[in-house]
């Protein structure tokens, strides 16, 4: 396993942990800062790292392809 994949996996797991904590917190009302952080930071990070982990080979092939 490469270092890039390991780093991506840890970022994905950390974002998932933070999102899980935010979802299962017993407090029903979040502050605006927490809500905005989840919407504009954690969800995009989860999506990007998830797709990268899923399609890493194809993404790397497209990025390193010589014309």
PDB file of N, CA and C in Angstrom:
ATOM      1  N   UNK A   1       0.846  -1.174   0.000  1.00  0.00           N
ATOM      2  CA  UNK A   1       0.000   0.000   0.000  1.00  0.00           C
ATOM      3  C   UNK A   1       0.894   1.240   0.000  1.00  0.00           C
ATOM      4  N   UNK A   2       0.539   2.194  -0.841  1.00  0.00           N
ATOM      5  CA  UNK A   2       1.358   3.389  -0.968  1.00  0.00           C
ATOM      6  C   UNK A   2       1.069   4.378   0.161  1.00  0.00           C
ATOM      7  N   UNK A   3       1.992   5.299   0.337  1.00  0.00           N
ATOM      8  CA  UNK A   3       1.811   6.322   1.364  1.00  0.00           C
ATOM      9  C   UNK A   3       0.639   7.244   1.040  1.00  0.00           C
ATOM     10  N   UNK A   4       0.442   7.524  -0.259  1.00  0.00           N
ATOM     11  CA  UNK A   4      -0.655   8.402  -0.662  1.00  0.00           C
ATOM     12  C   UNK A   4      -2.005   7.764  -0.310  1.00  0.00           C
ATOM     13  N   UNK A   5      -2.127   6.462  -0.560  1.00  0.00           N
ATOM     14  CA  UNK A   5      -3.389   5.774  -0.256  1.00  0.00           C
ATOM     15  C   UNK A   5      -3.607   5.700   1.255  1.00  0.00           C
ATOM     16  N   UNK A   6      -2.552   5.445   2.009  1.00  0.00           N
ATOM     17  CA  UNK A   6      -2.673   5.394   3.466  1.00  0.00           C
ATOM     18  C   UNK A   6      -3.089   6.753   4.018  1.00  0.00           C
ATOM     19  N   UNK A   7      -2.482   7.819   3.522  1.00  0.00           N
ATOM     20  CA  UNK A   7      -2.843   9.168   3.970  1.00  0.00           C
ATOM     21  C   UNK A   7      -4.292   9.493   3.603  1.00  0.00           C
ATOM     22  N   UNK A   8      -4.698   9.131   2.396  1.00  0.00           N
ATOM     23  CA  UNK A   8      -6.077   9.378   1.969  1.00  0.00           C
ATOM     24  C   UNK A   8      -7.054   8.603   2.839  1.00  0.00           C
ATOM     25  N   UNK A   9      -6.712   7.374   3.163  1.00  0.00           N
ATOM     26  CA  UNK A   9      -7.591   6.560   4.008  1.00  0.00           C
ATOM     27  C   UNK A   9      -7.732   7.167   5.406  1.00  0.00           C
ATOM     28  N   UNK A  10      -6.626   7.650   5.969  1.00  0.00           N
ATOM     29  CA  UNK A  10      -6.698   8.257   7.309  1.00  0.00           C
ATOM     30  C   UNK A  10      -7.502   9.560   7.294  1.00  0.00           C
ATOM     31  N   UNK A  11      -7.358  10.344   6.241  1.00  0.00           N
ATOM     32  CA  UNK A  11      -8.162  11.569   6.125  1.00  0.00           C
ATOM     33  C   UNK A  11      -9.638  11.211   6.035  1.00  0.00           C
ATOM     34  N   UNK A  12      -9.961  10.195   5.246  1.00  0.00           N
ATOM     35  CA  UNK A  12     -11.342   9.751   5.091  1.00  0.00           C
ATOM     36  C   UNK A  12     -11.904   9.245   6.418  1.00  0.00           C
ATOM     37  N   UNK A  13     -11.130   8.460   7.139  1.00  0.00           N
ATOM     38  CA  UNK A  13     -11.591   7.936   8.428  1.00  0.00           C
ATOM     39  C   UNK A  13     -11.751   9.038   9.478  1.00  0.00           C
ATOM     40  N   UNK A  14     -10.840  10.008   9.479  1.00  0.00           N
ATOM     41  CA  UNK A  14     -10.947  11.116  10.436  1.00  0.00           C
ATOM     42  C   UNK A  14     -12.194  11.960  10.143  1.00  0.00           C
ATOM     43  N   UNK A  15     -12.446  12.238   8.874  1.00  0.00           N
ATOM     44  CA  UNK A  15     -13.640  13.005   8.519  1.00  0.00           C
ATOM     45  C   UNK A  15     -14.908  12.233   8.872  1.00  0.00           C
ATOM     46  N   UNK A  16     -14.882  10.917   8.655  1.00  0.00           N
ATOM     47  CA  UNK A  16     -16.048  10.094   9.009  1.00  0.00           C
ATOM     48  C   UNK A  16     -16.264  10.089  10.520  1.00  0.00           C
ATOM     49  N   UNK A  17     -15.188  10.034  11.275  1.00  0.00           N
ATOM     50  CA  UNK A  17     -15.314  10.080  12.736  1.00  0.00           C
ATOM     51  C   UNK A  17     -15.888  11.396  13.222  1.00  0.00           C
ATOM     52  N   UNK A  18     -15.409  12.487  12.665  1.00  0.00           N
ATOM     53  CA  UNK A  18     -15.943  13.796  13.050  1.00  0.00           C
ATOM     54  C   UNK A  18     -17.404  13.943  12.662  1.00  0.00           C
ATOM     55  N   UNK A  19     -17.754  13.421  11.498  1.00  0.00           N
ATOM     56  CA  UNK A  19     -19.149  13.494  11.078  1.00  0.00           C
ATOM     57  C   UNK A  19     -20.027  12.616  11.972  1.00  0.00           C
ATOM     58  N   UNK A  20     -19.527  11.462  12.343  1.00  0.00           N
ATOM     59  CA  UNK A  20     -20.278  10.594  13.248  1.00  0.00           C
ATOM     60  C   UNK A  20     -20.487  11.231  14.610  1.00  0.00           C
ATOM     61  N   UNK A  21     -19.470  11.885  15.116  1.00  0.00           N
ATOM     62  CA  UNK A  21     -19.599  12.589  16.395  1.00  0.00           C
ATOM     63  C   UNK A  21     -20.641  13.697  16.278  1.00  0.00           C
ATOM     64  N   UNK A  22     -20.609  14.433  15.177  1.00  0.00           N
ATOM     65  CA  UNK A  22     -21.562  15.529  14.997  1.00  0.00           C
ATOM     66  C   UNK A  22     -22.993  15.009  14.868  1.00  0.00           C
ATOM     67  N   UNK A  23     -23.165  13.877  14.201  1.00  0.00           N
ATOM     68  CA  UNK A  23     -24.514  13.347  13.991  1.00  0.00           C
ATOM     69  C   UNK A  23     -25.073  12.755  15.279  1.00  0.00           C
ATOM     70  N   UNK A  24     -24.254  12.050  16.036  1.00  0.00           N
ATOM     71  CA  UNK A  24     -24.749  11.349  17.214  1.00  0.00           C
ATOM     72  C   UNK A  24     -24.574  12.110  18.519  1.00  0.00           C
ATOM     73  N   UNK A  25     -24.286  13.391  18.441  1.00  0.00           N
ATOM     74  CA  UNK A  25     -24.200  14.215  19.639  1.00  0.00           C
ATOM     75  C   UNK A  25     -25.598  14.370  20.235  1.00  0.00           C
ATOM     76  N   UNK A  26     -25.735  14.287  21.560  1.00  0.00           N
ATOM     77  CA  UNK A  26     -27.071  14.382  22.142  1.00  0.00           C
ATOM     78  C   UNK A  26     -27.702  15.774  22.079  1.00  0.00           C
ATOM     79  N   UNK A  27     -26.949  16.761  21.688  1.00  0.00           N
ATOM     80  CA  UNK A  27     -27.489  18.113  21.610  1.00  0.00           C
ATOM     81  C   UNK A  27     -28.213  18.291  20.288  1.00  0.00           C
ATOM     82  N   UNK A  28     -29.501  18.619  20.309  1.00  0.00           N
ATOM     83  CA  UNK A  28     -30.256  18.698  19.055  1.00  0.00           C
ATOM     84  C   UNK A  28     -29.924  19.915  18.201  1.00  0.00           C
ATOM     85  N   UNK A  29     -29.538  20.996  18.815  1.00  0.00           N
ATOM     86  CA  UNK A  29     -29.277  22.216  18.048  1.00  0.00           C
ATOM     87  C   UNK A  29     -27.769  22.441  17.945  1.00  0.00           C
ATOM     88  N   UNK A  30     -27.289  22.505  16.737  1.00  0.00           N
ATOM     89  CA  UNK A  30     -25.877  22.798  16.508  1.00  0.00           C
ATOM     90  C   UNK A  30     -25.707  24.296  16.340  1.00  0.00           C
ATOM     91  N   UNK A  31     -24.510  24.736  16.580  1.00  0.00           N
ATOM     92  CA  UNK A  31     -24.236  26.133  16.277  1.00  0.00           C
ATOM     93  C   UNK A  31     -24.069  26.268  14.765  1.00  0.00           C
ATOM     94  N   UNK A  32     -24.137  27.469  14.291  1.00  0.00           N
ATOM     95  CA  UNK A  32     -23.983  27.691  12.853  1.00  0.00           C
ATOM     96  C   UNK A  32     -22.601  27.284  12.363  1.00  0.00           C
ATOM     97  N   UNK A  33     -21.587  27.463  13.199  1.00  0.00           N
ATOM     98  CA  UNK A  33     -20.229  27.104  12.795  1.00  0.00           C
ATOM     99  C   UNK A  33     -20.096  25.598  12.569  1.00  0.00           C
ATOM    100  N   UNK A  34     -20.680  24.812  13.454  1.00  0.00           N
ATOM    101  CA  UNK A  34     -20.612  23.359  13.303  1.00  0.00           C
ATOM    102  C   UNK A  34     -21.381  22.921  12.070  1.00  0.00           C
ATOM    103  N   UNK A  35     -22.549  23.472  11.865  1.00  0.00           N
ATOM    104  CA  UNK A  35     -23.359  23.123  10.708  1.00  0.00           C
ATOM    105  C   UNK A  35     -22.650  23.474   9.406  1.00  0.00           C
ATOM    106  N   UNK A  36     -22.062  24.644   9.332  1.00  0.00           N
ATOM    107  CA  UNK A  36     -21.343  25.054   8.125  1.00  0.00           C
ATOM    108  C   UNK A  36     -20.088  24.211   7.904  1.00  0.00           C
ATOM    109  N   UNK A  37     -19.410  23.858   8.979  1.00  0.00           N
ATOM    110  CA  UNK A  37     -18.229  23.006   8.860  1.00  0.00           C
ATOM    111  C   UNK A  37     -18.594  21.650   8.292  1.00  0.00           C
ATOM    112  N   UNK A  38     -19.686  21.086   8.758  1.00  0.00           N
ATOM    113  CA  UNK A  38     -20.121  19.788   8.249  1.00  0.00           C
ATOM    114  C   UNK A  38     -20.508  19.893   6.780  1.00  0.00           C
ATOM    115  N   UNK A  39     -21.273  20.924   6.430  1.00  0.00           N
ATOM    116  CA  UNK A  39     -21.768  21.054   5.061  1.00  0.00           C
ATOM    117  C   UNK A  39     -20.672  21.378   4.056  1.00  0.00           C
ATOM    118  N   UNK A  40     -19.769  22.267   4.412  1.00  0.00           N
ATOM    119  CA  UNK A  40     -18.822  22.765   3.429  1.00  0.00           C
ATOM    120  C   UNK A  40     -17.407  22.223   3.583  1.00  0.00           C
ATOM    121  N   UNK A  41     -17.125  21.464   4.625  1.00  0.00           N
ATOM    122  CA  UNK A  41     -15.789  20.882   4.790  1.00  0.00           C
ATOM    123  C   UNK A  41     -15.827  19.360   4.840  1.00  0.00           C
ATOM    124  N   UNK A  42     -16.587  18.814   5.769  1.00  0.00           N
ATOM    125  CA  UNK A  42     -16.549  17.365   5.975  1.00  0.00           C
ATOM    126  C   UNK A  42     -17.203  16.583   4.843  1.00  0.00           C
ATOM    127  N   UNK A  43     -18.344  17.014   4.367  1.00  0.00           N
ATOM    128  CA  UNK A  43     -19.025  16.275   3.295  1.00  0.00           C
ATOM    129  C   UNK A  43     -18.201  16.286   2.005  1.00  0.00           C
ATOM    130  N   UNK A  44     -17.679  17.421   1.559  1.00  0.00           N
ATOM    131  CA  UNK A  44     -16.835  17.371   0.357  1.00  0.00           C
ATOM    132  C   UNK A  44     -15.566  16.542   0.537  1.00  0.00           C
ATOM    133  N   UNK A  45     -14.945  16.623   1.707  1.00  0.00           N
ATOM    134  CA  UNK A  45     -13.748  15.817   1.959  1.00  0.00           C
ATOM    135  C   UNK A  45     -14.086  14.335   1.910  1.00  0.00           C
ATOM    136  N   UNK A  46     -15.214  13.956   2.506  1.00  0.00           N
ATOM    137  CA  UNK A  46     -15.629  12.554   2.476  1.00  0.00           C
ATOM    138  C   UNK A  46     -15.892  12.101   1.039  1.00  0.00           C
ATOM    139  N   UNK A  47     -16.539  12.923   0.262  1.00  0.00           N
ATOM    140  CA  UNK A  47     -16.849  12.552  -1.128  1.00  0.00           C
ATOM    141  C   UNK A  47     -15.582  12.435  -1.968  1.00  0.00           C
ATOM    142  N   UNK A  48     -14.716  13.409  -1.877  1.00  0.00           N
ATOM    143  CA  UNK A  48     -13.495  13.406  -2.689  1.00  0.00           C
ATOM    144  C   UNK A  48     -12.591  12.244  -2.318  1.00  0.00           C
ATOM    145  N   UNK A  49     -12.355  12.040  -1.031  1.00  0.00           N
ATOM    146  CA  UNK A  49     -11.467  10.939  -0.634  1.00  0.00           C
ATOM    147  C   UNK A  49     -12.106   9.587  -0.910  1.00  0.00           C
ATOM    148  N   UNK A  50     -13.421   9.487  -0.773  1.00  0.00           N
ATOM    149  CA  UNK A  50     -14.099   8.224  -1.062  1.00  0.00           C
ATOM    150  C   UNK A  50     -13.994   7.844  -2.532  1.00  0.00           C
ATOM    151  N   UNK A  51     -14.224   8.814  -3.409  1.00  0.00           N
ATOM    152  CA  UNK A  51     -14.101   8.545  -4.840  1.00  0.00           C
ATOM    153  C   UNK A  51     -12.657   8.248  -5.198  1.00  0.00           C
ATOM    154  N   UNK A  52     -11.711   8.943  -4.584  1.00  0.00           N
ATOM    155  CA  UNK A  52     -10.299   8.680  -4.869  1.00  0.00           C
ATOM    156  C   UNK A  52      -9.904   7.276  -4.418  1.00  0.00           C
ATOM    157  N   UNK A  53     -10.348   6.863  -3.251  1.00  0.00           N
ATOM    158  CA  UNK A  53     -10.039   5.511  -2.798  1.00  0.00           C
ATOM    159  C   UNK A  53     -10.688   4.466  -3.705  1.00  0.00           C
ATOM    160  N   UNK A  54     -11.835   4.757  -4.227  1.00  0.00           N
ATOM    161  CA  UNK A  54     -12.560   3.825  -5.078  1.00  0.00           C
ATOM    162  C   UNK A  54     -11.941   3.730  -6.473  1.00  0.00           C
ATOM    163  N   UNK A  55     -11.610   4.874  -7.058  1.00  0.00           N
ATOM    164  CA  UNK A  55     -11.123   4.934  -8.433  1.00  0.00           C
ATOM    165  C   UNK A  55      -9.689   5.442  -8.525  1.00  0.00           C
ATOM    166  N   UNK A  56      -8.846   5.063  -7.609  1.00  0.00           N
ATOM    167  CA  UNK A  56      -7.481   5.579  -7.559  1.00  0.00           C
ATOM    168  C   UNK A  56      -6.698   5.253  -8.837  1.00  0.00           C
ATOM    169  N   UNK A  57      -6.826   4.053  -9.327  1.00  0.00           N
ATOM    170  CA  UNK A  57      -6.060   3.662 -10.500  1.00  0.00           C
ATOM    171  C   UNK A  57      -6.433   4.511 -11.715  1.00  0.00           C
ATOM    172  N   UNK A  58      -7.713   4.686 -11.960  1.00  0.00           N
ATOM    173  CA  UNK A  58      -8.151   5.464 -13.114  1.00  0.00           C
ATOM    174  C   UNK A  58      -7.783   6.936 -12.984  1.00  0.00           C
ATOM    175  N   UNK A  59      -7.907   7.489 -11.782  1.00  0.00           N
ATOM    176  CA  UNK A  59      -7.558   8.900 -11.565  1.00  0.00           C
ATOM    177  C   UNK A  59      -6.071   9.125 -11.795  1.00  0.00           C
ATOM    178  N   UNK A  60      -5.238   8.246 -11.244  1.00  0.00           N
ATOM    179  CA  UNK A  60      -3.794   8.384 -11.451  1.00  0.00           C
ATOM    180  C   UNK A  60      -3.416   8.207 -12.914  1.00  0.00           C
ATOM    181  N   UNK A  61      -4.103   7.323 -13.616  1.00  0.00           N
ATOM    182  CA  UNK A  61      -3.826   7.125 -15.039  1.00  0.00           C
ATOM    183  C   UNK A  61      -4.176   8.382 -15.832  1.00  0.00           C
ATOM    184  N   UNK A  62      -5.292   9.030 -15.489  1.00  0.00           N
ATOM    185  CA  UNK A  62      -5.676  10.258 -16.191  1.00  0.00           C
ATOM    186  C   UNK A  62      -4.728  11.415 -15.885  1.00  0.00           C
ATOM    187  N   UNK A  63      -4.266  11.504 -14.644  1.00  0.00           N
ATOM    188  CA  UNK A  63      -3.390  12.613 -14.256  1.00  0.00           C
ATOM    189  C   UNK A  63      -1.977  12.476 -14.796  1.00  0.00           C
ATOM    190  N   UNK A  64      -1.514  11.250 -14.998  1.00  0.00           N
ATOM    191  CA  UNK A  64      -0.141  11.051 -15.439  1.00  0.00           C
ATOM    192  C   UNK A  64      -0.031  10.690 -16.911  1.00  0.00           C
ATOM    193  N   UNK A  65      -1.135  10.703 -17.624  1.00  0.00           N
ATOM    194  CA  UNK A  65      -1.121  10.340 -19.040  1.00  0.00           C
ATOM    195  C   UNK A  65      -0.407  11.415 -19.844  1.00  0.00           C
ATOM    196  N   UNK A  66       0.545  10.968 -20.641  1.00  0.00           N
ATOM    197  CA  UNK A  66       1.288  11.898 -21.503  1.00  0.00           C
ATOM    198  C   UNK A  66       0.582  12.019 -22.846  1.00  0.00           C
ATOM    199  N   UNK A  67       0.468  13.235 -23.380  1.00  0.00           N
ATOM    200  CA  UNK A  67      -0.218  13.418 -24.672  1.00  0.00           C
ATOM    201  C   UNK A  67       0.571  12.873 -25.840  1.00  0.00           C
TER     202      UNK A  67
END
